[in-house]
N, C-alpha and C. Protein backbone atom coordinates (compact mmCIF):
# COMPACT_ATOMS: atom_id res chain seq x y z
N MET A 1 -49.70 31.99 20.04
CA MET A 1 -49.99 30.68 19.46
C MET A 1 -49.31 30.52 18.10
N VAL A 2 -49.51 31.51 17.25
CA VAL A 2 -48.88 31.47 15.93
C VAL A 2 -47.37 31.52 16.07
N LEU A 3 -46.89 32.36 17.00
CA LEU A 3 -45.45 32.50 17.20
C LEU A 3 -44.84 31.18 17.68
N MET A 4 -45.56 30.47 18.56
CA MET A 4 -45.05 29.19 19.04
C MET A 4 -44.97 28.16 17.92
N ARG A 5 -46.00 28.13 17.05
CA ARG A 5 -45.98 27.20 15.92
C ARG A 5 -44.85 27.53 14.95
N LEU A 6 -44.62 28.83 14.71
CA LEU A 6 -43.54 29.25 13.81
C LEU A 6 -42.19 28.82 14.37
N ARG A 7 -42.02 28.97 15.68
CA ARG A 7 -40.77 28.54 16.29
C ARG A 7 -40.59 27.02 16.17
N SER A 8 -41.66 26.27 16.33
CA SER A 8 -41.57 24.81 16.22
C SER A 8 -41.19 24.39 14.81
N VAL A 9 -41.83 25.03 13.80
CA VAL A 9 -41.52 24.71 12.40
C VAL A 9 -40.08 25.07 12.08
N THR A 10 -39.63 26.23 12.54
CA THR A 10 -38.24 26.67 12.29
C THR A 10 -37.25 25.70 12.91
N ALA A 11 -37.52 25.28 14.16
CA ALA A 11 -36.63 24.34 14.84
C ALA A 11 -36.58 23.01 14.11
N ALA A 12 -37.74 22.56 13.59
CA ALA A 12 -37.76 21.29 12.86
C ALA A 12 -36.97 21.37 11.57
N VAL A 13 -37.12 22.50 10.85
CA VAL A 13 -36.38 22.67 9.59
C VAL A 13 -34.88 22.72 9.85
N VAL A 14 -34.46 23.46 10.87
CA VAL A 14 -33.04 23.55 11.20
C VAL A 14 -32.48 22.19 11.58
N SER A 15 -33.23 21.43 12.37
CA SER A 15 -32.78 20.09 12.76
C SER A 15 -32.64 19.18 11.55
N MET A 16 -33.57 19.30 10.61
CA MET A 16 -33.51 18.48 9.40
C MET A 16 -32.29 18.83 8.56
N LEU A 17 -32.01 20.13 8.43
CA LEU A 17 -30.84 20.55 7.64
C LEU A 17 -29.56 20.07 8.27
N ILE A 18 -29.46 20.17 9.60
CA ILE A 18 -28.24 19.71 10.29
C ILE A 18 -28.05 18.22 10.10
N ALA A 19 -29.15 17.46 10.23
CA ALA A 19 -29.06 16.01 10.06
C ALA A 19 -28.67 15.64 8.64
N THR A 20 -29.26 16.34 7.66
CA THR A 20 -28.94 16.07 6.26
C THR A 20 -27.48 16.37 5.96
N THR A 21 -26.98 17.51 6.48
CA THR A 21 -25.58 17.88 6.26
C THR A 21 -24.65 16.87 6.89
N THR A 22 -24.99 16.39 8.09
CA THR A 22 -24.15 15.42 8.76
C THR A 22 -24.07 14.13 7.98
N VAL A 23 -25.20 13.65 7.47
CA VAL A 23 -25.21 12.42 6.69
C VAL A 23 -24.45 12.60 5.39
N ALA A 24 -24.61 13.77 4.75
CA ALA A 24 -23.95 14.00 3.46
C ALA A 24 -22.46 14.10 3.59
N GLN A 25 -21.95 14.54 4.75
CA GLN A 25 -20.52 14.75 4.89
C GLN A 25 -19.82 13.57 5.56
N ASP A 26 -20.56 12.65 6.14
CA ASP A 26 -19.95 11.52 6.82
C ASP A 26 -19.95 10.32 5.89
N TYR A 27 -18.77 9.99 5.34
CA TYR A 27 -18.68 8.95 4.33
C TYR A 27 -17.85 7.78 4.84
N ASN A 28 -18.12 6.64 4.24
CA ASN A 28 -17.27 5.49 4.44
C ASN A 28 -15.89 5.80 3.87
N PRO A 29 -14.80 5.51 4.58
CA PRO A 29 -13.47 5.84 4.07
C PRO A 29 -13.07 5.07 2.83
N THR A 30 -13.83 4.05 2.44
CA THR A 30 -13.54 3.36 1.19
C THR A 30 -13.82 4.29 0.02
N GLY A 31 -12.78 4.58 -0.78
CA GLY A 31 -12.92 5.58 -1.83
C GLY A 31 -13.40 5.00 -3.14
N SER A 32 -13.63 5.90 -4.09
CA SER A 32 -14.00 5.52 -5.44
C SER A 32 -12.76 5.09 -6.20
N HIS A 33 -12.95 4.45 -7.33
CA HIS A 33 -11.82 4.13 -8.17
C HIS A 33 -12.20 4.29 -9.64
N ILE A 34 -11.17 4.47 -10.48
CA ILE A 34 -11.36 4.74 -11.90
C ILE A 34 -10.60 3.70 -12.71
N ILE A 35 -11.28 3.12 -13.67
CA ILE A 35 -10.63 2.27 -14.67
C ILE A 35 -10.60 3.07 -15.97
N SER A 36 -9.41 3.31 -16.51
CA SER A 36 -9.30 4.13 -17.71
C SER A 36 -8.30 3.52 -18.68
N CYS A 37 -8.39 3.96 -19.93
CA CYS A 37 -7.43 3.54 -20.94
C CYS A 37 -7.02 4.77 -21.75
N ALA A 38 -5.81 4.70 -22.27
CA ALA A 38 -5.29 5.76 -23.13
C ALA A 38 -5.11 5.17 -24.52
N PRO A 39 -6.04 5.44 -25.44
CA PRO A 39 -5.88 4.92 -26.81
C PRO A 39 -4.63 5.45 -27.49
N ILE A 40 -4.22 6.67 -27.08
CA ILE A 40 -3.03 7.29 -27.66
C ILE A 40 -2.11 7.72 -26.52
N GLU A 41 -0.90 7.22 -26.54
CA GLU A 41 0.10 7.61 -25.54
C GLU A 41 1.47 7.67 -26.18
N VAL A 42 2.20 8.72 -25.86
CA VAL A 42 3.58 8.89 -26.34
C VAL A 42 4.51 8.75 -25.15
N TRP A 43 5.43 7.81 -25.23
CA TRP A 43 6.38 7.58 -24.15
C TRP A 43 7.77 7.59 -24.75
N GLY A 44 8.52 8.69 -24.49
CA GLY A 44 9.82 8.82 -25.11
C GLY A 44 9.67 8.91 -26.62
N SER A 45 10.33 8.03 -27.34
CA SER A 45 10.21 7.98 -28.80
C SER A 45 9.25 6.91 -29.26
N GLY A 46 8.51 6.29 -28.31
CA GLY A 46 7.57 5.23 -28.66
C GLY A 46 6.13 5.70 -28.59
N TYR A 47 5.28 4.98 -29.28
CA TYR A 47 3.85 5.28 -29.31
C TYR A 47 3.08 4.02 -28.93
N GLY A 48 2.01 4.20 -28.16
CA GLY A 48 1.25 3.04 -27.75
C GLY A 48 -0.02 3.41 -27.02
N SER A 49 -0.41 2.56 -26.08
CA SER A 49 -1.62 2.78 -25.30
C SER A 49 -1.40 2.19 -23.91
N ASP A 50 -2.30 2.56 -22.99
CA ASP A 50 -2.15 2.05 -21.63
C ASP A 50 -3.51 1.74 -21.01
N LEU A 51 -3.48 1.00 -19.93
CA LEU A 51 -4.64 0.68 -19.11
C LEU A 51 -4.29 1.03 -17.68
N SER A 52 -5.16 1.81 -17.00
CA SER A 52 -4.84 2.31 -15.66
C SER A 52 -5.93 1.96 -14.67
N TRP A 53 -5.51 1.73 -13.43
CA TRP A 53 -6.41 1.57 -12.30
C TRP A 53 -6.04 2.63 -11.27
N GLU A 54 -7.03 3.41 -10.85
CA GLU A 54 -6.80 4.50 -9.89
C GLU A 54 -7.75 4.35 -8.71
N HIS A 55 -7.20 4.45 -7.52
CA HIS A 55 -7.99 4.29 -6.30
C HIS A 55 -7.81 5.53 -5.41
N PHE A 56 -8.92 6.13 -5.01
CA PHE A 56 -8.87 7.30 -4.15
C PHE A 56 -8.69 6.88 -2.70
N LEU A 57 -7.76 7.55 -2.02
CA LEU A 57 -7.41 7.20 -0.65
C LEU A 57 -8.20 8.05 0.33
N GLY A 58 -8.78 7.42 1.34
CA GLY A 58 -9.54 8.16 2.34
C GLY A 58 -10.88 8.60 1.81
N HIS A 59 -11.52 9.52 2.53
CA HIS A 59 -12.88 9.94 2.18
C HIS A 59 -12.93 11.35 1.61
N GLU A 60 -11.79 12.02 1.46
CA GLU A 60 -11.79 13.38 0.94
C GLU A 60 -11.57 13.44 -0.57
N ASP A 61 -11.07 12.36 -1.15
CA ASP A 61 -10.88 12.27 -2.61
C ASP A 61 -9.91 13.30 -3.17
N TRP A 62 -8.93 13.72 -2.39
CA TRP A 62 -7.94 14.65 -2.94
C TRP A 62 -6.62 13.96 -3.24
N LEU A 63 -6.49 12.71 -2.84
CA LEU A 63 -5.28 11.94 -3.08
C LEU A 63 -5.65 10.56 -3.59
N SER A 64 -4.95 10.11 -4.63
CA SER A 64 -5.24 8.79 -5.19
C SER A 64 -3.94 8.07 -5.51
N PHE A 65 -4.06 6.74 -5.60
CA PHE A 65 -2.96 5.87 -6.00
C PHE A 65 -3.32 5.29 -7.37
N ILE A 66 -2.41 5.39 -8.32
CA ILE A 66 -2.70 4.99 -9.70
C ILE A 66 -1.61 4.05 -10.21
N VAL A 67 -2.03 3.04 -10.98
CA VAL A 67 -1.09 2.09 -11.57
C VAL A 67 -1.38 1.98 -13.07
N PRO A 68 -0.64 2.68 -13.92
CA PRO A 68 -0.79 2.53 -15.37
C PRO A 68 0.13 1.40 -15.89
N ILE A 69 -0.38 0.64 -16.84
CA ILE A 69 0.40 -0.37 -17.55
C ILE A 69 0.38 0.00 -19.03
N THR A 70 1.57 0.18 -19.60
CA THR A 70 1.69 0.75 -20.94
C THR A 70 2.47 -0.18 -21.86
N VAL A 71 2.03 -0.27 -23.10
CA VAL A 71 2.75 -1.00 -24.15
C VAL A 71 2.99 -0.03 -25.31
N THR A 72 4.25 0.08 -25.76
CA THR A 72 4.58 1.00 -26.84
C THR A 72 5.39 0.29 -27.91
N VAL A 73 5.39 0.88 -29.10
CA VAL A 73 6.27 0.45 -30.19
C VAL A 73 7.10 1.65 -30.60
N ASN A 74 8.29 1.38 -31.10
CA ASN A 74 9.21 2.43 -31.48
C ASN A 74 9.48 2.36 -32.98
N PRO A 75 8.89 3.25 -33.78
CA PRO A 75 9.09 3.19 -35.24
C PRO A 75 10.52 3.50 -35.66
N GLU A 76 11.33 4.06 -34.74
CA GLU A 76 12.72 4.38 -35.10
C GLU A 76 13.60 3.13 -35.16
N SER A 77 13.06 1.98 -34.75
CA SER A 77 13.86 0.76 -34.73
C SER A 77 13.97 0.08 -36.09
N GLY A 78 13.48 0.73 -37.14
CA GLY A 78 13.63 0.18 -38.47
C GLY A 78 12.71 -0.99 -38.73
N ASN A 79 13.26 -2.02 -39.39
CA ASN A 79 12.44 -3.19 -39.73
C ASN A 79 12.02 -3.96 -38.48
N ASN A 80 12.84 -3.95 -37.46
CA ASN A 80 12.51 -4.62 -36.20
C ASN A 80 11.92 -3.58 -35.25
N VAL A 81 10.58 -3.55 -35.19
CA VAL A 81 9.92 -2.54 -34.38
C VAL A 81 10.16 -2.83 -32.90
N GLY A 82 10.80 -1.88 -32.20
CA GLY A 82 11.07 -2.07 -30.78
C GLY A 82 9.81 -1.96 -29.95
N ARG A 83 9.57 -2.92 -29.07
CA ARG A 83 8.40 -2.92 -28.21
C ARG A 83 8.85 -2.81 -26.76
N MET A 84 8.15 -1.94 -26.00
CA MET A 84 8.48 -1.74 -24.59
C MET A 84 7.22 -1.93 -23.75
N PHE A 85 7.42 -2.46 -22.56
CA PHE A 85 6.35 -2.68 -21.59
C PHE A 85 6.71 -1.90 -20.33
N TYR A 86 5.78 -1.02 -19.88
CA TYR A 86 6.04 -0.16 -18.73
C TYR A 86 5.01 -0.38 -17.64
N VAL A 87 5.46 -0.27 -16.39
CA VAL A 87 4.60 -0.20 -15.22
C VAL A 87 5.04 1.02 -14.43
N SER A 88 4.09 1.91 -14.09
CA SER A 88 4.49 3.18 -13.45
C SER A 88 3.52 3.57 -12.33
N PRO A 89 3.61 2.92 -11.17
CA PRO A 89 2.74 3.29 -10.05
C PRO A 89 3.11 4.66 -9.50
N GLY A 90 2.07 5.39 -9.04
CA GLY A 90 2.34 6.73 -8.52
C GLY A 90 1.16 7.28 -7.73
N LEU A 91 1.29 8.53 -7.33
CA LEU A 91 0.26 9.25 -6.57
C LEU A 91 -0.22 10.44 -7.38
N LYS A 92 -1.50 10.80 -7.20
CA LYS A 92 -2.07 11.99 -7.82
C LYS A 92 -2.71 12.85 -6.73
N LEU A 93 -2.27 14.09 -6.67
CA LEU A 93 -2.83 15.06 -5.73
C LEU A 93 -3.77 15.97 -6.50
N TYR A 94 -5.06 15.89 -6.19
CA TYR A 94 -6.07 16.67 -6.91
C TYR A 94 -6.33 18.00 -6.22
N THR A 95 -6.71 18.99 -7.02
CA THR A 95 -7.12 20.29 -6.49
C THR A 95 -8.64 20.40 -6.55
N ASN A 96 -9.23 20.87 -5.48
CA ASN A 96 -10.66 21.20 -5.47
C ASN A 96 -11.51 20.02 -5.92
N MET A 97 -11.24 18.83 -5.37
CA MET A 97 -11.95 17.64 -5.82
C MET A 97 -13.44 17.71 -5.51
N HIS A 98 -13.82 18.37 -4.42
CA HIS A 98 -15.23 18.43 -4.04
C HIS A 98 -15.90 19.72 -4.51
N GLY A 99 -15.20 20.51 -5.33
CA GLY A 99 -15.80 21.74 -5.83
C GLY A 99 -16.81 21.47 -6.93
N TYR A 100 -17.45 22.54 -7.37
CA TYR A 100 -18.48 22.42 -8.39
C TYR A 100 -17.89 22.33 -9.80
N ARG A 101 -16.63 22.72 -9.95
CA ARG A 101 -16.03 22.66 -11.28
C ARG A 101 -15.76 21.22 -11.69
N LYS A 102 -16.06 20.91 -12.94
CA LYS A 102 -15.88 19.56 -13.43
C LYS A 102 -14.44 19.28 -13.82
N ALA A 103 -13.64 20.31 -14.05
CA ALA A 103 -12.24 20.14 -14.40
C ALA A 103 -11.38 20.25 -13.15
N LYS A 104 -10.48 19.28 -12.97
CA LYS A 104 -9.59 19.23 -11.83
C LYS A 104 -8.15 19.08 -12.32
N VAL A 105 -7.24 19.80 -11.68
CA VAL A 105 -5.83 19.69 -11.99
C VAL A 105 -5.20 18.72 -10.98
N SER A 106 -4.28 17.89 -11.46
CA SER A 106 -3.60 16.94 -10.57
C SER A 106 -2.09 17.04 -10.77
N LEU A 107 -1.37 16.74 -9.70
CA LEU A 107 0.09 16.75 -9.73
C LEU A 107 0.58 15.63 -8.82
N GLY A 108 1.59 14.90 -9.27
CA GLY A 108 2.07 13.82 -8.42
C GLY A 108 3.27 13.10 -8.99
N PRO A 109 4.02 12.41 -8.11
CA PRO A 109 5.19 11.65 -8.55
C PRO A 109 4.83 10.21 -8.88
N SER A 110 5.69 9.58 -9.63
CA SER A 110 5.53 8.15 -9.92
C SER A 110 6.90 7.54 -10.16
N LEU A 111 6.96 6.23 -9.98
CA LEU A 111 8.13 5.45 -10.34
C LEU A 111 7.78 4.62 -11.57
N PHE A 112 8.74 4.41 -12.44
CA PHE A 112 8.44 3.61 -13.63
C PHE A 112 9.54 2.59 -13.89
N MET A 113 9.13 1.49 -14.48
CA MET A 113 10.05 0.44 -14.88
C MET A 113 9.64 -0.03 -16.26
N GLY A 114 10.59 -0.11 -17.16
CA GLY A 114 10.30 -0.51 -18.53
C GLY A 114 11.24 -1.61 -18.99
N ALA A 115 10.72 -2.53 -19.79
CA ALA A 115 11.53 -3.63 -20.32
C ALA A 115 11.04 -3.96 -21.72
N GLY A 116 11.97 -4.42 -22.56
CA GLY A 116 11.61 -4.78 -23.93
C GLY A 116 12.79 -4.68 -24.87
N ARG A 117 12.52 -4.15 -26.06
CA ARG A 117 13.54 -3.97 -27.08
C ARG A 117 13.62 -2.50 -27.44
N GLY A 118 14.83 -1.99 -27.58
CA GLY A 118 15.02 -0.58 -27.91
C GLY A 118 16.22 -0.37 -28.80
N ARG A 119 16.43 0.89 -29.14
CA ARG A 119 17.51 1.23 -30.04
C ARG A 119 18.19 2.49 -29.55
N GLN A 120 19.52 2.45 -29.46
CA GLN A 120 20.28 3.62 -29.06
C GLN A 120 20.39 4.60 -30.22
N ASN A 121 20.20 5.87 -29.89
CA ASN A 121 20.31 6.91 -30.92
C ASN A 121 21.70 7.54 -30.91
N ASP A 122 22.71 6.69 -30.81
CA ASP A 122 24.10 7.16 -30.78
C ASP A 122 24.89 6.35 -31.80
N TYR A 123 25.14 6.98 -32.94
CA TYR A 123 25.82 6.28 -34.03
C TYR A 123 27.30 6.04 -33.73
N SER A 124 27.84 6.71 -32.71
CA SER A 124 29.27 6.57 -32.42
C SER A 124 29.58 5.29 -31.64
N THR A 125 28.58 4.62 -31.10
CA THR A 125 28.82 3.41 -30.32
C THR A 125 28.79 2.20 -31.24
N PRO A 126 29.59 1.17 -30.90
CA PRO A 126 29.58 -0.05 -31.72
C PRO A 126 28.32 -0.88 -31.50
N PHE A 127 27.47 -0.48 -30.56
CA PHE A 127 26.28 -1.26 -30.24
C PHE A 127 25.02 -0.65 -30.85
N TYR A 128 25.20 0.22 -31.84
CA TYR A 128 24.04 0.87 -32.43
C TYR A 128 23.13 -0.16 -33.08
N GLY A 129 21.84 -0.05 -32.81
CA GLY A 129 20.87 -1.00 -33.35
C GLY A 129 19.91 -1.43 -32.26
N GLU A 130 18.97 -2.28 -32.61
CA GLU A 130 17.98 -2.72 -31.64
C GLU A 130 18.59 -3.73 -30.68
N GLN A 131 18.32 -3.51 -29.38
CA GLN A 131 18.88 -4.36 -28.33
C GLN A 131 17.83 -4.56 -27.25
N SER A 132 18.10 -5.51 -26.36
CA SER A 132 17.25 -5.65 -25.19
C SER A 132 17.45 -4.42 -24.30
N ARG A 133 16.36 -3.95 -23.72
CA ARG A 133 16.44 -2.71 -22.96
C ARG A 133 15.71 -2.84 -21.63
N PHE A 134 16.27 -2.24 -20.60
CA PHE A 134 15.64 -2.17 -19.29
C PHE A 134 15.90 -0.78 -18.71
N MET A 135 14.86 -0.17 -18.17
CA MET A 135 15.03 1.15 -17.57
C MET A 135 14.23 1.26 -16.27
N TYR A 136 14.72 2.14 -15.41
CA TYR A 136 14.06 2.39 -14.13
C TYR A 136 14.30 3.84 -13.77
N GLY A 137 13.26 4.51 -13.25
CA GLY A 137 13.43 5.91 -12.89
C GLY A 137 12.21 6.49 -12.21
N ALA A 138 12.17 7.81 -12.15
CA ALA A 138 11.08 8.54 -11.49
C ALA A 138 10.55 9.60 -12.44
N MET A 139 9.30 10.00 -12.20
CA MET A 139 8.64 10.95 -13.09
C MET A 139 7.72 11.86 -12.29
N LEU A 140 7.61 13.11 -12.72
CA LEU A 140 6.65 14.05 -12.16
C LEU A 140 5.56 14.28 -13.19
N ASN A 141 4.30 14.08 -12.78
CA ASN A 141 3.17 14.11 -13.71
C ASN A 141 2.23 15.27 -13.41
N LEU A 142 1.82 15.95 -14.46
CA LEU A 142 0.82 17.02 -14.38
C LEU A 142 -0.37 16.61 -15.22
N GLY A 143 -1.56 16.67 -14.64
CA GLY A 143 -2.74 16.21 -15.35
C GLY A 143 -3.89 17.19 -15.33
N LEU A 144 -4.69 17.16 -16.39
CA LEU A 144 -5.95 17.89 -16.45
C LEU A 144 -7.05 16.84 -16.52
N ASN A 145 -7.90 16.81 -15.50
CA ASN A 145 -8.92 15.77 -15.37
C ASN A 145 -10.30 16.40 -15.45
N TRP A 146 -11.15 15.77 -16.24
CA TRP A 146 -12.50 16.31 -16.44
C TRP A 146 -13.51 15.23 -16.11
N PHE A 147 -14.50 15.58 -15.28
CA PHE A 147 -15.56 14.67 -14.86
C PHE A 147 -16.90 15.23 -15.36
N PRO A 148 -17.28 14.96 -16.61
CA PRO A 148 -18.52 15.52 -17.15
C PRO A 148 -19.77 14.98 -16.46
N THR A 149 -19.69 13.75 -15.93
CA THR A 149 -20.80 13.16 -15.18
C THR A 149 -20.23 12.51 -13.93
N ASN A 150 -21.09 11.88 -13.15
CA ASN A 150 -20.63 11.22 -11.93
C ASN A 150 -19.77 10.00 -12.21
N HIS A 151 -19.80 9.49 -13.43
CA HIS A 151 -19.08 8.25 -13.72
C HIS A 151 -18.09 8.38 -14.87
N ILE A 152 -18.25 9.32 -15.77
CA ILE A 152 -17.37 9.45 -16.92
C ILE A 152 -16.15 10.27 -16.55
N TYR A 153 -14.98 9.80 -16.98
CA TYR A 153 -13.72 10.49 -16.71
C TYR A 153 -12.95 10.68 -18.02
N LEU A 154 -12.43 11.90 -18.22
CA LEU A 154 -11.55 12.23 -19.34
C LEU A 154 -10.32 12.91 -18.78
N GLY A 155 -9.16 12.62 -19.34
CA GLY A 155 -7.94 13.21 -18.80
C GLY A 155 -6.83 13.33 -19.81
N VAL A 156 -5.96 14.29 -19.56
CA VAL A 156 -4.73 14.48 -20.32
C VAL A 156 -3.59 14.59 -19.32
N ASP A 157 -2.57 13.75 -19.47
CA ASP A 157 -1.43 13.74 -18.55
C ASP A 157 -0.14 14.04 -19.29
N TYR A 158 0.72 14.81 -18.63
CA TYR A 158 2.07 15.04 -19.14
C TYR A 158 3.05 14.71 -18.03
N GLY A 159 4.06 13.92 -18.36
CA GLY A 159 5.06 13.55 -17.39
C GLY A 159 6.47 13.83 -17.88
N LEU A 160 7.30 14.29 -16.98
CA LEU A 160 8.73 14.50 -17.26
C LEU A 160 9.51 13.59 -16.32
N GLY A 161 10.28 12.66 -16.92
CA GLY A 161 10.96 11.66 -16.12
C GLY A 161 12.47 11.65 -16.31
N ILE A 162 13.14 11.00 -15.37
CA ILE A 162 14.58 10.82 -15.43
C ILE A 162 14.89 9.38 -15.04
N THR A 163 15.80 8.76 -15.75
CA THR A 163 16.15 7.36 -15.48
C THR A 163 17.39 7.30 -14.59
N SER A 164 17.36 6.38 -13.64
CA SER A 164 18.57 6.09 -12.87
C SER A 164 19.27 4.86 -13.43
N VAL A 165 18.49 4.00 -14.11
CA VAL A 165 19.04 2.83 -14.81
C VAL A 165 18.47 2.84 -16.22
N ASN A 166 19.36 2.76 -17.22
CA ASN A 166 18.94 2.74 -18.62
C ASN A 166 19.88 1.81 -19.38
N LYS A 167 19.55 0.53 -19.40
CA LYS A 167 20.45 -0.49 -19.91
C LYS A 167 20.07 -0.96 -21.31
N TYR A 168 21.09 -1.08 -22.17
CA TYR A 168 20.96 -1.72 -23.47
C TYR A 168 21.86 -2.94 -23.47
N ASP A 169 21.27 -4.13 -23.64
CA ASP A 169 22.02 -5.38 -23.58
C ASP A 169 22.86 -5.47 -22.31
N GLY A 170 22.29 -5.01 -21.20
CA GLY A 170 22.96 -5.12 -19.92
C GLY A 170 23.95 -4.02 -19.61
N VAL A 171 24.19 -3.09 -20.54
CA VAL A 171 25.14 -2.00 -20.32
C VAL A 171 24.38 -0.74 -19.98
N ASN A 172 24.65 -0.18 -18.80
CA ASN A 172 23.95 1.01 -18.35
C ASN A 172 24.53 2.24 -19.05
N THR A 173 23.67 2.98 -19.75
CA THR A 173 24.13 4.17 -20.48
C THR A 173 24.02 5.44 -19.65
N GLY A 174 23.57 5.31 -18.39
CA GLY A 174 23.53 6.47 -17.51
C GLY A 174 22.18 7.16 -17.50
N ILE A 175 22.21 8.38 -16.99
CA ILE A 175 20.98 9.15 -16.81
C ILE A 175 20.48 9.67 -18.15
N SER A 176 19.16 9.59 -18.33
CA SER A 176 18.53 10.16 -19.51
C SER A 176 17.16 10.71 -19.13
N PHE A 177 16.66 11.64 -19.91
CA PHE A 177 15.37 12.27 -19.66
C PHE A 177 14.37 11.79 -20.72
N LEU A 178 13.11 11.72 -20.33
CA LEU A 178 12.08 11.32 -21.28
C LEU A 178 10.76 12.00 -20.93
N ASN A 179 9.89 12.08 -21.92
CA ASN A 179 8.57 12.70 -21.78
C ASN A 179 7.49 11.65 -21.98
N ARG A 180 6.34 11.90 -21.35
CA ARG A 180 5.19 11.03 -21.53
C ARG A 180 3.93 11.89 -21.66
N VAL A 181 3.15 11.62 -22.69
CA VAL A 181 1.87 12.32 -22.91
C VAL A 181 0.81 11.28 -23.17
N SER A 182 -0.33 11.38 -22.48
CA SER A 182 -1.41 10.41 -22.67
C SER A 182 -2.76 11.10 -22.65
N PHE A 183 -3.68 10.57 -23.42
CA PHE A 183 -5.06 11.04 -23.49
C PHE A 183 -5.96 9.90 -23.02
N LYS A 184 -6.69 10.10 -21.92
CA LYS A 184 -7.39 9.00 -21.27
C LYS A 184 -8.90 9.19 -21.26
N ILE A 185 -9.59 8.06 -21.27
CA ILE A 185 -11.02 8.03 -21.06
C ILE A 185 -11.31 6.86 -20.13
N GLY A 186 -12.21 7.09 -19.17
CA GLY A 186 -12.44 6.04 -18.20
C GLY A 186 -13.80 6.12 -17.53
N TYR A 187 -14.00 5.20 -16.61
CA TYR A 187 -15.26 5.09 -15.88
C TYR A 187 -14.96 5.10 -14.39
N MET A 188 -15.67 5.96 -13.64
CA MET A 188 -15.49 6.04 -12.19
C MET A 188 -16.55 5.21 -11.48
N PHE A 189 -16.09 4.31 -10.62
CA PHE A 189 -16.98 3.49 -9.81
C PHE A 189 -17.14 4.15 -8.45
N LYS A 190 -18.36 4.49 -8.10
CA LYS A 190 -18.63 5.12 -6.82
C LYS A 190 -18.91 4.04 -5.78
N THR A 191 -17.99 3.88 -4.83
CA THR A 191 -18.16 2.88 -3.80
C THR A 191 -18.51 3.49 -2.45
N LYS A 192 -18.63 4.81 -2.40
CA LYS A 192 -18.93 5.47 -1.13
C LYS A 192 -20.40 5.33 -0.78
N GLN A 193 -20.67 5.12 0.48
CA GLN A 193 -22.03 5.08 0.98
C GLN A 193 -22.09 5.91 2.26
N PRO A 194 -23.07 6.80 2.39
CA PRO A 194 -23.18 7.61 3.61
C PRO A 194 -23.49 6.74 4.82
N ILE A 195 -22.93 7.09 5.92
CA ILE A 195 -23.14 6.37 7.16
C ILE A 195 -24.05 7.18 8.07
N ARG A 196 -25.13 6.62 8.46
CA ARG A 196 -26.05 7.29 9.38
C ARG A 196 -25.83 6.76 10.78
N GLU A 197 -25.70 7.67 11.71
CA GLU A 197 -25.42 7.26 13.08
C GLU A 197 -26.56 6.47 13.69
N ASP A 198 -27.79 6.78 13.26
CA ASP A 198 -28.92 6.09 13.87
C ASP A 198 -29.08 4.65 13.43
N ILE A 199 -28.37 4.27 12.31
CA ILE A 199 -28.46 2.87 11.86
C ILE A 199 -27.10 2.19 11.89
N ALA A 200 -26.06 2.93 12.30
CA ALA A 200 -24.74 2.34 12.35
C ALA A 200 -24.68 1.31 13.47
N PRO A 201 -23.97 0.18 13.24
CA PRO A 201 -23.89 -0.85 14.28
C PRO A 201 -23.14 -0.33 15.50
N THR A 202 -23.56 -0.73 16.64
CA THR A 202 -22.91 -0.32 17.90
C THR A 202 -22.27 -1.52 18.54
N SER A 203 -21.12 -1.28 19.15
CA SER A 203 -20.42 -2.36 19.83
C SER A 203 -20.99 -2.55 21.21
N GLU A 204 -21.09 -3.78 21.62
CA GLU A 204 -21.63 -4.08 22.94
C GLU A 204 -20.52 -4.06 23.97
């Protein structure tokens, strides 16, 4: 009698654990997203800030799509401070996103396009001085991301980029390399909701 009751209780507990695990692991594929800003960002020889939107793809949260928008000023432009506007969409591949560690490393490529006013650092050219500038290229980004709570996000990103187009007043100066460093703080919006099979809609 006691043995039969023990078996019944054990079976009920096991069934409950299996059901709980199934519900916890079965998520809506709509991912979370992060809105963040970088109060301090260094892009090439310019300094500024950015605003980013990041969306996690799928339900595993190991890959995201991010779009940073950056505005910088260049103190090397003398009395006429050069201003640049950048858009750099890219991907971030996270490590151990579902682990217990709050710090996550990310790596991913991005494309960038910049437009504004700039200054060539080549005194030998007759075009030395502030000019209209347009650039386009690719960048590889390495990030350290910290999630102290379910919603707070802190991050440090470093990017190494190369330009395929780097024009001053319409003249392409060729390939050039640049660095990007940003310190970010943001808020993560959790849009995931567990799906339970017993309440999920069924097709007729």
